[in-house]
Amino acid sequence: MYFNDHNPPHFHAKYSGYEALFSFDGQIIEGEPLNYIAPLE
């Protein structure tokens, strides 16, 4: 995590050209994850 990063706290998931931002409770904030990443919701 970075001090000056935007809220809410989140992590980036990147794989093979796909990217999504997730909150720590598993909600997708931005992006389109791969179908097999989506079950993290």
Protein backbone atom coordinates (compact mmCIF):
# COMPACT_ATOMS: atom_id res chain seq x y z
CA MET A 1 0.00 0.00 0.00
CA TYR A 2 1.13 3.53 -0.69
CA PHE A 3 0.57 6.47 1.64
CA ASN A 4 -0.67 8.83 -1.09
CA ASP A 5 -2.79 6.27 -2.95
CA HIS A 6 -6.52 6.89 -3.44
CA ASN A 7 -9.24 5.48 -1.16
CA PRO A 8 -10.69 2.98 -0.44
CA PRO A 9 -7.81 0.68 0.53
CA HIS A 10 -7.40 -1.85 -2.29
CA PHE A 11 -5.09 -4.17 -4.18
CA HIS A 12 -4.41 -4.56 -7.89
CA ALA A 13 -4.72 -7.97 -9.57
CA LYS A 14 -2.90 -8.25 -12.92
CA TYR A 15 -2.60 -11.29 -15.15
CA SER A 16 -1.94 -11.75 -18.85
CA GLY A 17 -3.08 -8.28 -19.88
CA TYR A 18 -6.08 -8.12 -17.54
CA GLU A 19 -6.24 -5.86 -14.51
CA ALA A 20 -8.77 -5.22 -11.76
CA LEU A 21 -8.82 -3.33 -8.47
CA PHE A 22 -10.36 -5.07 -5.47
CA SER A 23 -11.27 -3.76 -2.04
CA PHE A 24 -10.06 -5.87 0.88
CA ASP A 25 -13.56 -7.28 1.33
CA GLY A 26 -13.42 -8.71 -2.23
CA GLN A 27 -15.58 -6.20 -4.12
CA ILE A 28 -14.43 -5.18 -7.61
CA ILE A 29 -13.72 -1.45 -7.59
CA GLU A 30 -12.56 -1.14 -11.19
CA GLY A 31 -11.69 -3.36 -14.14
CA GLU A 32 -12.71 -6.66 -15.62
CA PRO A 33 -11.07 -9.68 -14.00
CA LEU A 34 -10.78 -13.00 -15.77
CA ASN A 35 -13.69 -15.40 -15.25
CA TYR A 36 -11.69 -17.57 -12.88
CA ILE A 37 -10.68 -14.56 -10.76
CA ALA A 38 -14.27 -13.32 -10.41
CA PRO A 39 -15.30 -15.99 -7.84
CA LEU A 40 -13.25 -14.04 -5.27
CA GLU A 41 -16.29 -11.81 -5.03
